[in-house]
Amino acid sequence: MAAKDPCKKHACEIQKCLQANNYLESKCEAVFQEMRRCCAKYPKGVSLSCSGFKGVEKEREKRAIFHLGR
């Protein structure tokens, strides 16, 4: 049996929040912060959810920088 993903609960909460708020990321910042905290607790590879989340976070940062440069 595979080990339980320690941050999966937070990933699910992000999806729920985004759906409830018409996918406006700004409305879910607190939930994103909880996911960041969870991912920071564990070494790379422990949480499959974090591996996908870190890619999403990098993309969010790129978009934010792009919008600031306009």
N, C-alpha and C. Protein backbone atom coordinates (compact mmCIF):
# COMPACT_ATOMS: atom_id res chain seq x y z
N MET A 1 0.84 -1.19 0.00
CA MET A 1 0.00 0.00 0.00
C MET A 1 0.88 1.25 0.00
N ALA A 2 0.57 2.20 -0.86
CA ALA A 2 1.35 3.43 -0.96
C ALA A 2 1.09 4.32 0.26
N ALA A 3 2.09 5.11 0.59
CA ALA A 3 1.95 6.04 1.71
C ALA A 3 0.94 7.13 1.35
N LYS A 4 0.23 7.61 2.35
CA LYS A 4 -0.75 8.67 2.14
C LYS A 4 -0.04 9.98 1.82
N ASP A 5 -0.55 10.70 0.84
CA ASP A 5 0.00 12.00 0.46
C ASP A 5 -0.37 13.02 1.54
N PRO A 6 0.62 13.57 2.25
CA PRO A 6 0.31 14.45 3.38
C PRO A 6 -0.32 15.79 2.99
N CYS A 7 -0.21 16.18 1.74
CA CYS A 7 -0.74 17.49 1.33
C CYS A 7 -1.93 17.38 0.39
N LYS A 8 -2.40 16.18 0.15
CA LYS A 8 -3.52 15.99 -0.78
C LYS A 8 -4.76 16.74 -0.30
N LYS A 9 -4.99 16.74 1.00
CA LYS A 9 -6.16 17.44 1.56
C LYS A 9 -6.14 18.91 1.14
N HIS A 10 -4.97 19.54 1.18
CA HIS A 10 -4.86 20.95 0.81
C HIS A 10 -5.09 21.15 -0.69
N ALA A 11 -4.60 20.21 -1.48
CA ALA A 11 -4.82 20.30 -2.93
C ALA A 11 -6.32 20.22 -3.24
N CYS A 12 -7.02 19.36 -2.54
CA CYS A 12 -8.47 19.25 -2.73
C CYS A 12 -9.18 20.53 -2.30
N GLU A 13 -8.71 21.13 -1.22
CA GLU A 13 -9.31 22.38 -0.74
C GLU A 13 -9.10 23.51 -1.76
N ILE A 14 -7.97 23.52 -2.43
CA ILE A 14 -7.73 24.51 -3.48
C ILE A 14 -8.75 24.34 -4.59
N GLN A 15 -8.95 23.11 -5.03
CA GLN A 15 -9.92 22.85 -6.10
C GLN A 15 -11.32 23.29 -5.70
N LYS A 16 -11.72 22.97 -4.47
CA LYS A 16 -13.05 23.36 -3.99
C LYS A 16 -13.19 24.88 -3.97
N CYS A 17 -12.16 25.55 -3.46
CA CYS A 17 -12.20 27.01 -3.36
C CYS A 17 -12.29 27.65 -4.75
N LEU A 18 -11.47 27.17 -5.67
CA LEU A 18 -11.49 27.74 -7.02
C LEU A 18 -12.84 27.54 -7.68
N GLN A 19 -13.41 26.36 -7.53
CA GLN A 19 -14.72 26.10 -8.12
C GLN A 19 -15.79 27.00 -7.51
N ALA A 20 -15.74 27.17 -6.20
CA ALA A 20 -16.73 27.99 -5.50
C ALA A 20 -16.59 29.47 -5.82
N ASN A 21 -15.40 29.88 -6.26
CA ASN A 21 -15.14 31.30 -6.51
C ASN A 21 -14.87 31.61 -7.97
N ASN A 22 -15.49 30.82 -8.85
CA ASN A 22 -15.40 31.06 -10.29
C ASN A 22 -13.95 31.15 -10.78
N TYR A 23 -13.09 30.35 -10.17
CA TYR A 23 -11.68 30.22 -10.54
C TYR A 23 -10.89 31.53 -10.40
N LEU A 24 -11.31 32.38 -9.48
CA LEU A 24 -10.56 33.60 -9.17
C LEU A 24 -9.54 33.25 -8.08
N GLU A 25 -8.29 33.13 -8.49
CA GLU A 25 -7.23 32.71 -7.56
C GLU A 25 -7.10 33.65 -6.37
N SER A 26 -7.35 34.93 -6.58
CA SER A 26 -7.21 35.90 -5.49
C SER A 26 -8.16 35.60 -4.34
N LYS A 27 -9.29 34.97 -4.61
CA LYS A 27 -10.26 34.63 -3.57
C LYS A 27 -9.80 33.44 -2.73
N CYS A 28 -8.78 32.73 -3.20
CA CYS A 28 -8.34 31.50 -2.54
C CYS A 28 -6.92 31.61 -1.99
N GLU A 29 -6.44 32.80 -1.80
CA GLU A 29 -5.06 32.99 -1.37
C GLU A 29 -4.76 32.28 -0.05
N ALA A 30 -5.68 32.30 0.88
CA ALA A 30 -5.46 31.63 2.17
C ALA A 30 -5.28 30.12 1.98
N VAL A 31 -6.03 29.54 1.06
CA VAL A 31 -5.94 28.11 0.80
C VAL A 31 -4.61 27.79 0.11
N PHE A 32 -4.18 28.65 -0.81
CA PHE A 32 -2.88 28.48 -1.44
C PHE A 32 -1.76 28.56 -0.40
N GLN A 33 -1.90 29.47 0.54
CA GLN A 33 -0.88 29.62 1.59
C GLN A 33 -0.78 28.36 2.44
N GLU A 34 -1.91 27.76 2.76
CA GLU A 34 -1.90 26.51 3.53
C GLU A 34 -1.18 25.41 2.75
N MET A 35 -1.39 25.36 1.45
CA MET A 35 -0.71 24.36 0.62
C MET A 35 0.79 24.62 0.61
N ARG A 36 1.19 25.89 0.49
CA ARG A 36 2.61 26.23 0.52
C ARG A 36 3.25 25.78 1.84
N ARG A 37 2.54 26.02 2.95
CA ARG A 37 3.06 25.60 4.26
C ARG A 37 3.22 24.09 4.34
N CYS A 38 2.23 23.38 3.84
CA CYS A 38 2.29 21.92 3.87
C CYS A 38 3.47 21.43 3.03
N CYS A 39 3.61 21.95 1.84
CA CYS A 39 4.69 21.51 0.94
C CYS A 39 6.07 21.83 1.52
N ALA A 40 6.16 22.93 2.25
CA ALA A 40 7.44 23.32 2.85
C ALA A 40 7.86 22.36 3.96
N LYS A 41 6.91 21.65 4.55
CA LYS A 41 7.21 20.74 5.65
C LYS A 41 7.90 19.45 5.19
N TYR A 42 7.69 19.08 3.93
CA TYR A 42 8.12 17.76 3.48
C TYR A 42 9.19 17.85 2.39
N PRO A 43 10.13 16.92 2.40
CA PRO A 43 11.16 16.90 1.34
C PRO A 43 10.52 16.59 -0.01
N LYS A 44 11.22 17.01 -1.04
CA LYS A 44 10.76 16.77 -2.41
C LYS A 44 10.48 15.27 -2.60
N GLY A 45 9.37 14.97 -3.23
CA GLY A 45 9.01 13.59 -3.52
C GLY A 45 8.08 12.94 -2.52
N VAL A 46 7.91 13.54 -1.36
CA VAL A 46 7.03 12.95 -0.34
C VAL A 46 5.56 13.15 -0.73
N SER A 47 5.23 14.31 -1.25
CA SER A 47 3.86 14.62 -1.61
C SER A 47 3.75 14.80 -3.13
N LEU A 48 3.03 13.92 -3.77
CA LEU A 48 2.79 14.04 -5.20
C LEU A 48 2.03 15.33 -5.49
N SER A 49 1.13 15.72 -4.61
CA SER A 49 0.38 16.96 -4.78
C SER A 49 1.29 18.17 -4.85
N CYS A 50 2.34 18.17 -4.06
CA CYS A 50 3.28 19.30 -4.06
C CYS A 50 4.06 19.39 -5.35
N SER A 51 4.38 18.27 -5.97
CA SER A 51 5.14 18.33 -7.21
C SER A 51 4.34 19.05 -8.28
N GLY A 52 3.06 18.81 -8.36
CA GLY A 52 2.21 19.52 -9.31
C GLY A 52 1.97 20.96 -8.89
N PHE A 53 1.85 21.18 -7.62
CA PHE A 53 1.57 22.53 -7.10
C PHE A 53 2.74 23.47 -7.37
N LYS A 54 3.95 22.99 -7.22
CA LYS A 54 5.11 23.85 -7.43
C LYS A 54 5.18 24.33 -8.87
N GLY A 55 4.77 23.51 -9.82
CA GLY A 55 4.70 23.94 -11.21
C GLY A 55 3.65 25.02 -11.42
N VAL A 56 2.52 24.85 -10.76
CA VAL A 56 1.44 25.84 -10.84
C VAL A 56 1.89 27.15 -10.21
N GLU A 57 2.58 27.06 -9.09
CA GLU A 57 3.06 28.27 -8.40
C GLU A 57 4.03 29.05 -9.29
N LYS A 58 4.93 28.36 -9.97
CA LYS A 58 5.88 29.04 -10.86
C LYS A 58 5.14 29.76 -11.98
N GLU A 59 4.11 29.12 -12.52
CA GLU A 59 3.32 29.74 -13.59
C GLU A 59 2.58 30.97 -13.06
N ARG A 60 2.04 30.91 -11.85
CA ARG A 60 1.36 32.06 -11.24
C ARG A 60 2.33 33.23 -11.09
N GLU A 61 3.55 32.93 -10.65
CA GLU A 61 4.56 33.98 -10.49
C GLU A 61 4.90 34.63 -11.82
N LYS A 62 5.03 33.85 -12.86
CA LYS A 62 5.33 34.39 -14.20
C LYS A 62 4.22 35.33 -14.65
N ARG A 63 2.95 34.90 -14.45
CA ARG A 63 1.83 35.75 -14.85
C ARG A 63 1.81 37.04 -14.05
N ALA A 64 2.09 36.97 -12.77
CA ALA A 64 2.10 38.16 -11.92
C ALA A 64 3.17 39.14 -12.38
N ILE A 65 4.35 38.63 -12.68
CA ILE A 65 5.44 39.48 -13.15
C ILE A 65 5.07 40.10 -14.50
N PHE A 66 4.47 39.32 -15.38
CA PHE A 66 4.05 39.82 -16.69
C PHE A 66 3.06 40.96 -16.53
N HIS A 67 2.07 40.79 -15.64
CA HIS A 67 1.06 41.82 -15.45
C HIS A 67 1.64 43.08 -14.81
N LEU A 68 2.65 42.93 -13.96
CA LEU A 68 3.29 44.09 -13.35
C LEU A 68 4.08 44.88 -14.39
N GLY A 69 4.62 44.19 -15.38
CA GLY A 69 5.42 44.84 -16.41
C GLY A 69 4.62 45.58 -17.46
N ARG A 70 3.32 45.43 -17.42
CA ARG A 70 2.46 46.09 -18.43
C ARG A 70 2.34 47.55 -18.17
